[in-house]
PDB file of N, CA and C in Angstrom:
ATOM      1  N   MET A   1     162.812 118.688  92.585  1.00  0.00           N
ATOM      2  CA  MET A   1     162.520 117.370  92.079  1.00  0.00           C
ATOM      3  C   MET A   1     162.990 116.318  93.059  1.00  0.00           C
ATOM      4  N   ALA A   2     164.136 116.525  93.665  1.00  0.00           N
ATOM      5  CA  ALA A   2     164.668 115.547  94.608  1.00  0.00           C
ATOM      6  C   ALA A   2     163.767 115.422  95.830  1.00  0.00           C
ATOM      7  N   LEU A   3     163.165 116.527  96.248  1.00  0.00           N
ATOM      8  CA  LEU A   3     162.263 116.479  97.400  1.00  0.00           C
ATOM      9  C   LEU A   3     161.066 115.589  97.112  1.00  0.00           C
ATOM     10  N   VAL A   4     160.535 115.667  95.912  1.00  0.00           N
ATOM     11  CA  VAL A   4     159.363 114.889  95.556  1.00  0.00           C
ATOM     12  C   VAL A   4     159.737 113.423  95.364  1.00  0.00           C
ATOM     13  N   ARG A   5     160.936 113.157  94.885  1.00  0.00           N
ATOM     14  CA  ARG A   5     161.386 111.772  94.699  1.00  0.00           C
ATOM     15  C   ARG A   5     161.632 111.080  96.025  1.00  0.00           C
ATOM     16  N   SER A   6     161.868 111.856  97.078  1.00  0.00           N
ATOM     17  CA  SER A   6     162.094 111.248  98.390  1.00  0.00           C
ATOM     18  C   SER A   6     160.785 110.642  98.878  1.00  0.00           C
ATOM     19  N   ALA A   7     160.786 110.149 100.082  1.00  0.00           N
ATOM     20  CA  ALA A   7     159.609 109.471 100.637  1.00  0.00           C
ATOM     21  C   ALA A   7     158.496 110.453 100.998  1.00  0.00           C
ATOM     22  N   ARG A   8     158.712 111.726 100.806  1.00  0.00           N
ATOM     23  CA  ARG A   8     157.713 112.732 101.165  1.00  0.00           C
ATOM     24  C   ARG A   8     156.630 112.821 100.108  1.00  0.00           C
ATOM     25  N   THR A   9     155.460 113.289 100.522  1.00  0.00           N
ATOM     26  CA  THR A   9     154.343 113.443  99.586  1.00  0.00           C
ATOM     27  C   THR A   9     154.453 114.771  98.856  1.00  0.00           C
ATOM     28  N   VAL A  10     153.830 114.837  97.699  1.00  0.00           N
ATOM     29  CA  VAL A  10     153.796 116.084  96.927  1.00  0.00           C
ATOM     30  C   VAL A  10     153.109 117.165  97.749  1.00  0.00           C
ATOM     31  N   THR A  11     152.034 116.795  98.449  1.00  0.00           N
ATOM     32  CA  THR A  11     151.304 117.776  99.264  1.00  0.00           C
ATOM     33  C   THR A  11     152.200 118.350 100.349  1.00  0.00           C
ATOM     34  N   GLY A  12     152.969 117.504 101.017  1.00  0.00           N
ATOM     35  CA  GLY A  12     153.864 117.972 102.084  1.00  0.00           C
ATOM     36  C   GLY A  12     154.958 118.878 101.561  1.00  0.00           C
ATOM     37  N   VAL A  13     155.559 118.499 100.450  1.00  0.00           N
ATOM     38  CA  VAL A  13     156.615 119.318  99.849  1.00  0.00           C
ATOM     39  C   VAL A  13     156.039 120.655  99.394  1.00  0.00           C
ATOM     40  N   ALA A  14     154.865 120.616  98.765  1.00  0.00           N
ATOM     41  CA  ALA A  14     154.240 121.859  98.294  1.00  0.00           C
ATOM     42  C   ALA A  14     153.948 122.789  99.464  1.00  0.00           C
ATOM     43  N   ARG A  15     153.435 122.236 100.563  1.00  0.00           N
ATOM     44  CA  ARG A  15     153.135 123.049 101.746  1.00  0.00           C
ATOM     45  C   ARG A  15     154.408 123.698 102.278  1.00  0.00           C
ATOM     46  N   ASP A  16     155.510 122.935 102.347  1.00  0.00           N
ATOM     47  CA  ASP A  16     156.782 123.469 102.840  1.00  0.00           C
ATOM     48  C   ASP A  16     157.335 124.572 101.939  1.00  0.00           C
ATOM     49  N   LEU A  17     157.110 124.425 100.636  1.00  0.00           N
ATOM     50  CA  LEU A  17     157.616 125.419  99.683  1.00  0.00           C
ATOM     51  C   LEU A  17     156.682 126.617  99.517  1.00  0.00           C
ATOM     52  N   GLY A  18     155.443 126.476  99.996  1.00  0.00           N
ATOM     53  CA  GLY A  18     154.490 127.575  99.883  1.00  0.00           C
ATOM     54  C   GLY A  18     153.853 127.681  98.513  1.00  0.00           C
ATOM     55  N   VAL A  19     153.741 126.556  97.811  1.00  0.00           N
ATOM     56  CA  VAL A  19     153.079 126.536  96.503  1.00  0.00           C
ATOM     57  C   VAL A  19     151.943 125.531  96.553  1.00  0.00           C
ATOM     58  N   SER A  20     151.057 125.584  95.567  1.00  0.00           N
ATOM     59  CA  SER A  20     149.947 124.642  95.540  1.00  0.00           C
ATOM     60  C   SER A  20     150.449 123.272  95.097  1.00  0.00           C
ATOM     61  N   LYS A  21     149.755 122.234  95.552  1.00  0.00           N
ATOM     62  CA  LYS A  21     150.177 120.876  95.165  1.00  0.00           C
ATOM     63  C   LYS A  21     149.984 120.663  93.667  1.00  0.00           C
ATOM     64  N   TRP A  22     149.037 121.365  93.069  1.00  0.00           N
ATOM     65  CA  TRP A  22     148.816 121.239  91.628  1.00  0.00           C
ATOM     66  C   TRP A  22     149.980 121.834  90.847  1.00  0.00           C
ATOM     67  N   SER A  23     150.464 122.994  91.290  1.00  0.00           N
ATOM     68  CA  SER A  23     151.608 123.610  90.611  1.00  0.00           C
ATOM     69  C   SER A  23     152.832 122.716  90.721  1.00  0.00           C
ATOM     70  N   LEU A  24     153.095 122.222  91.922  1.00  0.00           N
ATOM     71  CA  LEU A  24     154.253 121.360  92.121  1.00  0.00           C
ATOM     72  C   LEU A  24     154.121 120.088  91.289  1.00  0.00           C
ATOM     73  N   GLY A  25     152.928 119.513  91.267  1.00  0.00           N
ATOM     74  CA  GLY A  25     152.705 118.311  90.467  1.00  0.00           C
ATOM     75  C   GLY A  25     152.944 118.555  88.989  1.00  0.00           C
ATOM     76  N   ARG A  26     152.495 119.719  88.507  1.00  0.00           N
ATOM     77  CA  ARG A  26     152.709 120.067  87.101  1.00  0.00           C
ATOM     78  C   ARG A  26     154.195 120.238  86.807  1.00  0.00           C
ATOM     79  N   TRP A  27     154.922 120.879  87.723  1.00  0.00           N
ATOM     80  CA  TRP A  27     156.350 121.075  87.534  1.00  0.00           C
ATOM     81  C   TRP A  27     157.075 119.734  87.500  1.00  0.00           C
ATOM     82  N   VAL A  28     156.674 118.834  88.368  1.00  0.00           N
ATOM     83  CA  VAL A  28     157.296 117.513  88.401  1.00  0.00           C
ATOM     84  C   VAL A  28     157.034 116.781  87.087  1.00  0.00           C
ATOM     85  N   GLU A  29     155.787 116.841  86.604  1.00  0.00           N
ATOM     86  CA  GLU A  29     155.462 116.187  85.335  1.00  0.00           C
ATOM     87  C   GLU A  29     156.253 116.796  84.183  1.00  0.00           C
ATOM     88  N   GLN A  30     156.412 118.112  84.172  1.00  0.00           N
ATOM     89  CA  GLN A  30     157.189 118.773  83.127  1.00  0.00           C
ATOM     90  C   GLN A  30     158.649 118.342  83.187  1.00  0.00           C
ATOM     91  N   ALA A  31     159.179 118.238  84.394  1.00  0.00           N
ATOM     92  CA  ALA A  31     160.577 117.829  84.558  1.00  0.00           C
ATOM     93  C   ALA A  31     160.762 116.389  84.090  1.00  0.00           C
ATOM     94  N   LYS A  32     159.796 115.531  84.406  1.00  0.00           N
ATOM     95  CA  LYS A  32     159.880 114.134  83.959  1.00  0.00           C
ATOM     96  C   LYS A  32     159.833 114.048  82.440  1.00  0.00           C
ATOM     97  N   ALA A  33     159.047 114.901  81.819  1.00  0.00           N
ATOM     98  CA  ALA A  33     158.909 114.886  80.364  1.00  0.00           C
ATOM     99  C   ALA A  33     160.066 115.607  79.676  1.00  0.00           C
ATOM    100  N   GLY A  34     160.931 116.236  80.452  1.00  0.00           N
ATOM    101  CA  GLY A  34     162.073 116.937  79.881  1.00  0.00           C
ATOM    102  C   GLY A  34     161.733 118.302  79.333  1.00  0.00           C
ATOM    103  N   GLN A  35     160.584 118.840  79.708  1.00  0.00           N
ATOM    104  CA  GLN A  35     160.178 120.156  79.220  1.00  0.00           C
ATOM    105  C   GLN A  35     160.895 121.235  80.024  1.00  0.00           C
ATOM    106  N   ALA A  36     161.134 122.342  79.383  1.00  0.00           N
ATOM    107  CA  ALA A  36     161.743 123.487  80.058  1.00  0.00           C
ATOM    108  C   ALA A  36     160.739 124.089  81.024  1.00  0.00           C
ATOM    109  N   LEU A  37     161.230 124.545  82.162  1.00  0.00           N
ATOM    110  CA  LEU A  37     160.365 125.146  83.162  1.00  0.00           C
ATOM    111  C   LEU A  37     160.352 126.667  83.057  1.00  0.00           C
ATOM    112  N   SER A  38     160.933 127.208  82.016  1.00  0.00           N
ATOM    113  CA  SER A  38     161.056 128.645  81.880  1.00  0.00           C
ATOM    114  C   SER A  38     159.761 129.237  81.325  1.00  0.00           C
ATOM    115  N   GLU A  39     158.921 129.742  82.190  1.00  0.00           N
ATOM    116  CA  GLU A  39     157.647 130.347  81.785  1.00  0.00           C
ATOM    117  C   GLU A  39     157.855 131.637  80.984  1.00  0.00           C
ATOM    118  N   PRO A  40     158.773 132.541  81.379  1.00  0.00           N
ATOM    119  CA  PRO A  40     158.937 133.784  80.591  1.00  0.00           C
ATOM    120  C   PRO A  40     159.327 133.523  79.144  1.00  0.00           C
ATOM    121  N   LYS A  41     160.191 132.540  78.876  1.00  0.00           N
ATOM    122  CA  LYS A  41     160.583 132.251  77.499  1.00  0.00           C
ATOM    123  C   LYS A  41     159.395 131.733  76.706  1.00  0.00           C
ATOM    124  N   ARG A  42     158.597 130.885  77.329  1.00  0.00           N
ATOM    125  CA  ARG A  42     157.431 130.336  76.640  1.00  0.00           C
ATOM    126  C   ARG A  42     156.431 131.450  76.331  1.00  0.00           C
ATOM    127  N   ARG A  43     156.217 132.355  77.268  1.00  0.00           N
ATOM    128  CA  ARG A  43     155.259 133.451  77.038  1.00  0.00           C
ATOM    129  C   ARG A  43     155.747 134.393  75.956  1.00  0.00           C
ATOM    130  N   ALA A  44     157.043 134.587  75.850  1.00  0.00           N
ATOM    131  CA  ALA A  44     157.587 135.483  74.829  1.00  0.00           C
ATOM    132  C   ALA A  44     157.333 134.925  73.433  1.00  0.00           C
ATOM    133  N   ALA A  45     157.263 133.606  73.319  1.00  0.00           N
ATOM    134  CA  ALA A  45     157.062 132.979  72.015  1.00  0.00           C
ATOM    135  C   ALA A  45     155.583 132.821  71.670  1.00  0.00           C
ATOM    136  N   GLU A  46     154.695 133.195  72.564  1.00  0.00           N
ATOM    137  CA  GLU A  46     153.256 133.046  72.327  1.00  0.00           C
ATOM    138  C   GLU A  46     152.761 133.997  71.240  1.00  0.00           C
ATOM    139  N   THR A  47     151.772 133.544  70.535  1.00  0.00           N
ATOM    140  CA  THR A  47     151.111 134.405  69.564  1.00  0.00           C
ATOM    141  C   THR A  47     150.161 135.335  70.314  1.00  0.00           C
ATOM    142  N   PRO A  48     149.752 136.429  69.692  1.00  0.00           N
ATOM    143  CA  PRO A  48     148.794 137.321  70.349  1.00  0.00           C
ATOM    144  C   PRO A  48     147.488 136.606  70.721  1.00  0.00           C
ATOM    145  N   GLU A  49     147.062 135.671  69.882  1.00  0.00           N
ATOM    146  CA  GLU A  49     145.827 134.935  70.171  1.00  0.00           C
ATOM    147  C   GLU A  49     145.991 134.054  71.404  1.00  0.00           C
ATOM    148  N   ALA A  50     147.166 133.435  71.534  1.00  0.00           N
ATOM    149  CA  ALA A  50     147.424 132.581  72.697  1.00  0.00           C
ATOM    150  C   ALA A  50     147.471 133.414  73.969  1.00  0.00           C
ATOM    151  N   ARG A  51     148.078 134.601  73.892  1.00  0.00           N
ATOM    152  CA  ARG A  51     148.115 135.486  75.069  1.00  0.00           C
ATOM    153  C   ARG A  51     146.708 135.917  75.466  1.00  0.00           C
ATOM    154  N   GLU A  52     145.890 136.265  74.464  1.00  0.00           N
ATOM    155  CA  GLU A  52     144.518 136.675  74.759  1.00  0.00           C
ATOM    156  C   GLU A  52     143.727 135.516  75.358  1.00  0.00           C
ATOM    157  N   LEU A  53     143.900 134.324  74.819  1.00  0.00           N
ATOM    158  CA  LEU A  53     143.208 133.154  75.347  1.00  0.00           C
ATOM    159  C   LEU A  53     143.607 132.891  76.797  1.00  0.00           C
ATOM    160  N   ARG A  54     144.909 133.000  77.101  1.00  0.00           N
ATOM    161  CA  ARG A  54     145.386 132.813  78.480  1.00  0.00           C
ATOM    162  C   ARG A  54     144.771 133.864  79.401  1.00  0.00           C
ATOM    163  N   ARG A  55     144.736 135.113  78.941  1.00  0.00           N
ATOM    164  CA  ARG A  55     144.160 136.191  79.750  1.00  0.00           C
ATOM    165  C   ARG A  55     142.670 135.950  79.987  1.00  0.00           C
ATOM    166  N   LEU A  56     141.959 135.551  78.946  1.00  0.00           N
ATOM    167  CA  LEU A  56     140.525 135.300  79.080  1.00  0.00           C
ATOM    168  C   LEU A  56     140.249 134.138  80.035  1.00  0.00           C
ATOM    169  N   ARG A  57     141.091 133.116  79.978  1.00  0.00           N
ATOM    170  CA  ARG A  57     140.919 131.993  80.907  1.00  0.00           C
ATOM    171  C   ARG A  57     141.149 132.431  82.345  1.00  0.00           C
ATOM    172  N   GLN A  58     142.152 133.293  82.554  1.00  0.00           N
ATOM    173  CA  GLN A  58     142.401 133.817  83.900  1.00  0.00           C
ATOM    174  C   GLN A  58     141.220 134.654  84.370  1.00  0.00           C
ATOM    175  N   ASP A  59     140.679 135.486  83.483  1.00  0.00           N
ATOM    176  CA  ASP A  59     139.513 136.299  83.831  1.00  0.00           C
ATOM    177  C   ASP A  59     138.322 135.412  84.186  1.00  0.00           C
ATOM    178  N   LEU A  60     138.109 134.365  83.400  1.00  0.00           N
ATOM    179  CA  LEU A  60     136.999 133.455  83.670  1.00  0.00           C
ATOM    180  C   LEU A  60     137.165 132.778  85.026  1.00  0.00           C
ATOM    181  N   GLU A  61     138.381 132.354  85.339  1.00  0.00           N
ATOM    182  CA  GLU A  61     138.638 131.717  86.627  1.00  0.00           C
ATOM    183  C   GLU A  61     138.341 132.690  87.778  1.00  0.00           C
ATOM    184  N   HIS A  62     138.758 133.934  87.609  1.00  0.00           N
ATOM    185  CA  HIS A  62     138.524 134.956  88.638  1.00  0.00           C
ATOM    186  C   HIS A  62     137.029 135.207  88.826  1.00  0.00           C
ATOM    187  N   VAL A  63     136.308 135.372  87.741  1.00  0.00           N
ATOM    188  CA  VAL A  63     134.869 135.638  87.812  1.00  0.00           C
ATOM    189  C   VAL A  63     134.123 134.420  88.377  1.00  0.00           C
ATOM    190  N   THR A  64     134.573 133.236  88.040  1.00  0.00           N
ATOM    191  CA  THR A  64     133.950 132.026  88.571  1.00  0.00           C
ATOM    192  C   THR A  64     134.124 131.959  90.090  1.00  0.00           C
ATOM    193  N   ARG A  65     135.321 132.308  90.574  1.00  0.00           N
ATOM    194  CA  ARG A  65     135.542 132.327  92.035  1.00  0.00           C
ATOM    195  C   ARG A  65     134.637 133.360  92.695  1.00  0.00           C
ATOM    196  N   GLN A  66     134.505 134.538  92.078  1.00  0.00           N
ATOM    197  CA  GLN A  66     133.624 135.569  92.631  1.00  0.00           C
ATOM    198  C   GLN A  66     132.185 135.078  92.678  1.00  0.00           C
ATOM    199  N   ARG A  67     131.734 134.429  91.613  1.00  0.00           N
ATOM    200  CA  ARG A  67     130.373 133.902  91.565  1.00  0.00           C
ATOM    201  C   ARG A  67     130.144 132.879  92.675  1.00  0.00           C
ATOM    202  N   ASP A  68     131.123 132.000  92.888  1.00  0.00           N
ATOM    203  CA  ASP A  68     130.981 130.974  93.918  1.00  0.00           C
ATOM    204  C   ASP A  68     130.877 131.597  95.308  1.00  0.00           C
ATOM    205  N   VAL A  69     131.653 132.643  95.553  1.00  0.00           N
ATOM    206  CA  VAL A  69     131.578 133.336  96.842  1.00  0.00           C
ATOM    207  C   VAL A  69     130.201 133.970  97.012  1.00  0.00           C
ATOM    208  N   LEU A  70     129.701 134.602  95.960  1.00  0.00           N
ATOM    209  CA  LEU A  70     128.379 135.229  96.037  1.00  0.00           C
ATOM    210  C   LEU A  70     127.276 134.200  96.250  1.00  0.00           C
ATOM    211  N   LYS A  71     127.398 133.034  95.607  1.00  0.00           N
ATOM    212  CA  LYS A  71     126.406 131.975  95.806  1.00  0.00           C
ATOM    213  C   LYS A  71     126.381 131.540  97.264  1.00  0.00           C
ATOM    214  N   LYS A  72     127.559 131.373  97.850  1.00  0.00           N
ATOM    215  CA  LYS A  72     127.636 130.979  99.254  1.00  0.00           C
ATOM    216  C   LYS A  72     127.045 132.061 100.145  1.00  0.00           C
ATOM    217  N   ALA A  73     127.337 133.309  99.837  1.00  0.00           N
ATOM    218  CA  ALA A  73     126.818 134.414 100.635  1.00  0.00           C
ATOM    219  C   ALA A  73     125.302 134.477 100.549  1.00  0.00           C
ATOM    220  N   CYS A  74     124.755 134.244  99.374  1.00  0.00           N
ATOM    221  CA  CYS A  74     123.296 134.263  99.214  1.00  0.00           C
ATOM    222  C   CYS A  74     122.656 133.114  99.973  1.00  0.00           C
ATOM    223  N   GLY A  75     123.341 132.004 100.074  1.00  0.00           N
ATOM    224  CA  GLY A  75     122.812 130.871 100.816  1.00  0.00           C
ATOM    225  C   GLY A  75     122.837 131.101 102.308  1.00  0.00           C
ATOM    226  N   ILE A  76     123.755 131.918 102.780  1.00  0.00           N
ATOM    227  CA  ILE A  76     123.879 132.200 104.210  1.00  0.00           C
ATOM    228  C   ILE A  76     122.855 133.241 104.633  1.00  0.00           C
ATOM    229  N   LEU A  77     122.639 134.237 103.791  1.00  0.00           N
ATOM    230  CA  LEU A  77     121.719 135.314 104.127  1.00  0.00           C
ATOM    231  C   LEU A  77     120.275 134.846 103.964  1.00  0.00           C
ATOM    232  N   PRO A  78     119.381 135.278 104.850  1.00  0.00           N
ATOM    233  CA  PRO A  78     117.976 134.908 104.682  1.00  0.00           C
ATOM    234  C   PRO A  78     117.384 135.606 103.458  1.00  0.00           C
ATOM    235  N   ALA A  79     116.380 134.984 102.853  1.00  0.00           N
ATOM    236  CA  ALA A  79     115.759 135.538 101.651  1.00  0.00           C
ATOM    237  C   ALA A  79     115.076 136.866 101.979  1.00  0.00           C
ATOM    238  N   GLU A  80     114.414 136.946 103.119  1.00  0.00           N
ATOM    239  CA  GLU A  80     113.749 138.169 103.541  1.00  0.00           C
ATOM    240  C   GLU A  80     114.089 138.409 104.995  1.00  0.00           C
ATOM    241  N   PRO A  81     114.612 139.602 105.316  1.00  0.00           N
ATOM    242  CA  PRO A  81     114.966 139.868 106.708  1.00  0.00           C
ATOM    243  C   PRO A  81     113.757 139.716 107.621  1.00  0.00           C
ATOM    244  N   SER A  82     113.949 139.088 108.776  1.00  0.00           N
ATOM    245  CA  SER A  82     112.845 138.902 109.717  1.00  0.00           C
ATOM    246  C   SER A  82     112.492 140.238 110.363  1.00  0.00           C
ATOM    247  N   GLY A  83     111.219 140.457 110.521  1.00  0.00           N
ATOM    248  CA  GLY A  83     110.747 141.707 111.122  1.00  0.00           C
ATOM    249  C   GLY A  83     110.871 142.907 110.203  1.00  0.00           C
ATOM    250  N   ALA A  84     110.841 142.693 108.918  1.00  0.00           N
ATOM    251  CA  ALA A  84     111.022 143.791 107.966  1.00  0.00           C
ATOM    252  C   ALA A  84     109.735 144.506 107.665  1.00  0.00           C
ATOM    253  N   ARG A  85     108.656 144.193 108.338  1.00  0.00           N
ATOM    254  CA  ARG A  85     107.368 144.829 108.044  1.00  0.00           C
ATOM    255  C   ARG A  85     107.153 146.048 108.841  1.00  0.00           C
TER     256      ARG A  85
END
């Protein structure tokens, strides 16, 4: 928290720590709001439905990234190979 309060940017601090700027920003917001940063305790108190929802969201994010990579790959590859006759 002290690093972010200094004159440094969140992006710079996140890069130095090896975390994403979004994660660091979320942690800073949680600290400002006085929320606990203990993820394991929060997960232990989750209902089975909340755990399933979190897992499904992670799966969706993973599949969405895969789809985006495939879309880019399809755009790079020609529709029909030249000289295929």
